[in-house]
Amino acid sequence: MEVAMEIAYWIVAGLLAVFYLYAGGKKVVQSQQQLLPMMGWVDTVPMPLVRTIGVLEVLGAVGLILPPLTDIAPALAVAAAVGLVLIQVGGIVVHVRRGEARLIGLNIGLLVAAAAAAWLGTTWL
């Protein structure tokens, strides 16, 4: 059972890491105008906050993979997953406040996946 949990963790964590490296990386390096077509909310949020969110997403992605891979402080992977859950809670709040509740499907999916990574991480790390 533990091996199955480990495999499940790596699948979920790997998918989340790829997504957050991409999305967070875009927030870190692209301008507000470049981000606007894909992320309409960036026009109402100061760019330093957008950049901070991007850095946190990249750090979360790294935190899901490196600690368990290197076996150095593997519990940090659970902390990273919880941090990504909190980022999605914030994203849901932003969308709802903007009257974009129909757009929270991706946020909910990412929240559930990050929560699953946190739970799976606690089962074998």
C-alpha atoms as a PDB file:
ATOM      1  CA  MET A   1       0.000   0.000   0.000  1.00  0.00           C
ATOM      2  CA  GLU A   2       2.830   2.402   0.820  1.00  0.00           C
ATOM      3  CA  VAL A   3       4.378   1.917  -2.629  1.00  0.00           C
ATOM      4  CA  ALA A   4       1.046   2.719  -4.278  1.00  0.00           C
ATOM      5  CA  MET A   5       0.778   5.901  -2.205  1.00  0.00           C
ATOM      6  CA  GLU A   6       4.304   6.881  -3.208  1.00  0.00           C
ATOM      7  CA  ILE A   7       3.561   6.325  -6.893  1.00  0.00           C
ATOM      8  CA  ALA A   8       0.330   8.315  -6.586  1.00  0.00           C
ATOM      9  CA  TYR A   9       2.234  11.132  -4.871  1.00  0.00           C
ATOM     10  CA  TRP A  10       4.825  11.307  -7.633  1.00  0.00           C
ATOM     11  CA  ILE A  11       2.160  11.396 -10.337  1.00  0.00           C
ATOM     12  CA  VAL A  12       0.149  14.164  -8.652  1.00  0.00           C
ATOM     13  CA  ALA A  13       3.229  16.117  -7.538  1.00  0.00           C
ATOM     14  CA  GLY A  14       4.835  15.831 -10.963  1.00  0.00           C
ATOM     15  CA  LEU A  15       1.757  17.131 -12.756  1.00  0.00           C
ATOM     16  CA  LEU A  16       1.356  19.971 -10.274  1.00  0.00           C
ATOM     17  CA  ALA A  17       5.043  20.858 -10.532  1.00  0.00           C
ATOM     18  CA  VAL A  18       4.899  21.090 -14.325  1.00  0.00           C
ATOM     19  CA  PHE A  19       1.788  23.268 -14.174  1.00  0.00           C
ATOM     20  CA  TYR A  20       3.134  25.595 -11.485  1.00  0.00           C
ATOM     21  CA  LEU A  21       6.586  25.917 -13.071  1.00  0.00           C
ATOM     22  CA  TYR A  22       4.877  27.045 -16.262  1.00  0.00           C
ATOM     23  CA  ALA A  23       2.194  29.305 -14.748  1.00  0.00           C
ATOM     24  CA  GLY A  24       4.437  30.719 -12.033  1.00  0.00           C
ATOM     25  CA  GLY A  25       7.292  31.239 -14.452  1.00  0.00           C
ATOM     26  CA  LYS A  26       5.022  33.227 -16.762  1.00  0.00           C
ATOM     27  CA  LYS A  27       3.939  35.449 -13.849  1.00  0.00           C
ATOM     28  CA  VAL A  28       7.563  36.060 -12.928  1.00  0.00           C
ATOM     29  CA  VAL A  29       8.911  36.991 -16.374  1.00  0.00           C
ATOM     30  CA  GLN A  30       6.037  38.314 -18.487  1.00  0.00           C
ATOM     31  CA  SER A  31       4.569  41.809 -18.505  1.00  0.00           C
ATOM     32  CA  GLN A  32       1.045  42.623 -17.422  1.00  0.00           C
ATOM     33  CA  GLN A  33       0.042  43.062 -21.079  1.00  0.00           C
ATOM     34  CA  GLN A  34       1.438  39.633 -21.991  1.00  0.00           C
ATOM     35  CA  LEU A  35      -0.368  37.976 -19.074  1.00  0.00           C
ATOM     36  CA  LEU A  36      -3.704  39.726 -19.576  1.00  0.00           C
ATOM     37  CA  PRO A  37      -5.121  37.471 -22.354  1.00  0.00           C
ATOM     38  CA  MET A  38      -4.656  34.348 -20.216  1.00  0.00           C
ATOM     39  CA  MET A  39      -5.079  35.876 -16.750  1.00  0.00           C
ATOM     40  CA  GLY A  40      -7.650  38.654 -16.853  1.00  0.00           C
ATOM     41  CA  TRP A  41      -7.296  39.324 -13.143  1.00  0.00           C
ATOM     42  CA  VAL A  42      -3.799  40.796 -13.508  1.00  0.00           C
ATOM     43  CA  ASP A  43      -5.286  44.148 -14.493  1.00  0.00           C
ATOM     44  CA  THR A  44      -6.680  44.614 -10.970  1.00  0.00           C
ATOM     45  CA  VAL A  45      -3.707  43.308  -8.993  1.00  0.00           C
ATOM     46  CA  PRO A  46      -0.425  45.214  -8.606  1.00  0.00           C
ATOM     47  CA  MET A  47       2.365  43.596 -10.640  1.00  0.00           C
ATOM     48  CA  PRO A  48       4.615  43.121  -7.595  1.00  0.00           C
ATOM     49  CA  LEU A  49       1.877  40.908  -6.132  1.00  0.00           C
ATOM     50  CA  VAL A  50       1.523  39.009  -9.422  1.00  0.00           C
ATOM     51  CA  ARG A  51       5.302  38.450  -9.414  1.00  0.00           C
ATOM     52  CA  THR A  52       5.183  37.321  -5.769  1.00  0.00           C
ATOM     53  CA  ILE A  53       2.440  34.818  -6.574  1.00  0.00           C
ATOM     54  CA  GLY A  54       4.562  33.544  -9.472  1.00  0.00           C
ATOM     55  CA  VAL A  55       7.618  33.112  -7.256  1.00  0.00           C
ATOM     56  CA  LEU A  56       5.511  31.281  -4.656  1.00  0.00           C
ATOM     57  CA  GLU A  57       4.133  28.976  -7.347  1.00  0.00           C
ATOM     58  CA  VAL A  58       7.630  28.166  -8.642  1.00  0.00           C
ATOM     59  CA  LEU A  59       8.873  27.562  -5.086  1.00  0.00           C
ATOM     60  CA  GLY A  60       5.845  25.354  -4.445  1.00  0.00           C
ATOM     61  CA  ALA A  61       6.636  23.297  -7.542  1.00  0.00           C
ATOM     62  CA  VAL A  62      10.256  22.886  -6.473  1.00  0.00           C
ATOM     63  CA  GLY A  63       9.136  22.081  -2.926  1.00  0.00           C
ATOM     64  CA  LEU A  64       6.901  19.264  -4.147  1.00  0.00           C
ATOM     65  CA  ILE A  65       9.789  17.549  -5.938  1.00  0.00           C
ATOM     66  CA  LEU A  66      13.210  18.300  -4.434  1.00  0.00           C
ATOM     67  CA  PRO A  67      12.740  17.470  -0.728  1.00  0.00           C
ATOM     68  CA  PRO A  68      11.341  13.956  -1.284  1.00  0.00           C
ATOM     69  CA  LEU A  69      13.693  13.345  -4.211  1.00  0.00           C
ATOM     70  CA  THR A  70      16.794  14.223  -2.194  1.00  0.00           C
ATOM     71  CA  ASP A  71      15.371  12.956   1.114  1.00  0.00           C
ATOM     72  CA  ILE A  72      16.408  16.276   2.677  1.00  0.00           C
ATOM     73  CA  ALA A  73      13.554  17.590   4.854  1.00  0.00           C
ATOM     74  CA  PRO A  74      10.884  15.681   2.889  1.00  0.00           C
ATOM     75  CA  ALA A  75       8.158  17.135   5.106  1.00  0.00           C
ATOM     76  CA  LEU A  76       8.685  20.384   3.197  1.00  0.00           C
ATOM     77  CA  ALA A  77       6.825  18.752   0.314  1.00  0.00           C
ATOM     78  CA  VAL A  78       3.681  18.648   2.435  1.00  0.00           C
ATOM     79  CA  ALA A  79       4.209  22.310   3.362  1.00  0.00           C
ATOM     80  CA  ALA A  80       4.631  23.170  -0.330  1.00  0.00           C
ATOM     81  CA  ALA A  81       1.395  21.370  -1.197  1.00  0.00           C
ATOM     82  CA  VAL A  82      -0.471  23.201   1.566  1.00  0.00           C
ATOM     83  CA  GLY A  83       0.961  26.486   0.291  1.00  0.00           C
ATOM     84  CA  LEU A  84      -0.358  25.700  -3.186  1.00  0.00           C
ATOM     85  CA  VAL A  85      -3.781  24.959  -1.686  1.00  0.00           C
ATOM     86  CA  LEU A  86      -3.724  28.417  -0.098  1.00  0.00           C
ATOM     87  CA  ILE A  87      -2.758  30.041  -3.406  1.00  0.00           C
ATOM     88  CA  GLN A  88      -5.803  28.454  -5.017  1.00  0.00           C
ATOM     89  CA  VAL A  89      -8.064  29.599  -2.190  1.00  0.00           C
ATOM     90  CA  GLY A  90      -6.827  33.112  -2.942  1.00  0.00           C
ATOM     91  CA  GLY A  91      -7.458  32.596  -6.643  1.00  0.00           C
ATOM     92  CA  ILE A  92     -11.011  31.468  -5.984  1.00  0.00           C
ATOM     93  CA  VAL A  93     -11.629  34.534  -3.816  1.00  0.00           C
ATOM     94  CA  VAL A  94     -10.302  36.849  -6.545  1.00  0.00           C
ATOM     95  CA  HIS A  95     -12.494  35.260  -9.216  1.00  0.00           C
ATOM     96  CA  VAL A  96     -15.619  35.324  -7.068  1.00  0.00           C
ATOM     97  CA  ARG A  97     -15.058  38.979  -6.128  1.00  0.00           C
ATOM     98  CA  ARG A  98     -14.664  39.831  -9.814  1.00  0.00           C
ATOM     99  CA  GLY A  99     -17.952  38.082 -10.636  1.00  0.00           C
ATOM    100  CA  GLU A 100     -16.118  35.277 -12.418  1.00  0.00           C
ATOM    101  CA  ALA A 101     -17.382  32.322 -10.414  1.00  0.00           C
ATOM    102  CA  ARG A 102     -17.736  30.357 -13.646  1.00  0.00           C
ATOM    103  CA  LEU A 103     -13.943  30.460 -14.019  1.00  0.00           C
ATOM    104  CA  ILE A 104     -13.025  28.719 -10.759  1.00  0.00           C
ATOM    105  CA  GLY A 105     -13.093  25.180 -12.144  1.00  0.00           C
ATOM    106  CA  LEU A 106      -9.330  25.115 -12.743  1.00  0.00           C
ATOM    107  CA  ASN A 107      -8.705  26.626  -9.305  1.00  0.00           C
ATOM    108  CA  ILE A 108     -10.836  23.936  -7.668  1.00  0.00           C
ATOM    109  CA  GLY A 109      -9.071  21.192  -9.624  1.00  0.00           C
ATOM    110  CA  LEU A 110      -5.652  22.512  -8.627  1.00  0.00           C
ATOM    111  CA  LEU A 111      -6.771  22.925  -5.016  1.00  0.00           C
ATOM    112  CA  VAL A 112      -7.989  19.310  -4.882  1.00  0.00           C
ATOM    113  CA  ALA A 113      -4.786  18.038  -6.519  1.00  0.00           C
ATOM    114  CA  ALA A 114      -2.580  19.998  -4.099  1.00  0.00           C
ATOM    115  CA  ALA A 115      -4.652  18.770  -1.146  1.00  0.00           C
ATOM    116  CA  ALA A 116      -4.247  15.213  -2.451  1.00  0.00           C
ATOM    117  CA  ALA A 117      -0.472  15.742  -2.727  1.00  0.00           C
ATOM    118  CA  ALA A 118      -0.395  16.989   0.861  1.00  0.00           C
ATOM    119  CA  TRP A 119      -2.388  13.980   2.063  1.00  0.00           C
ATOM    120  CA  LEU A 120      -0.359  11.488   0.006  1.00  0.00           C
ATOM    121  CA  GLY A 121       2.838  13.088   1.258  1.00  0.00           C
ATOM    122  CA  THR A 122       1.810  12.559   4.866  1.00  0.00           C
ATOM    123  CA  THR A 123       1.180   8.862   4.185  1.00  0.00           C
ATOM    124  CA  TRP A 124       4.711   7.945   3.113  1.00  0.00           C
ATOM    125  CA  LEU A 125       7.151  10.816   3.739  1.00  0.00           C
END
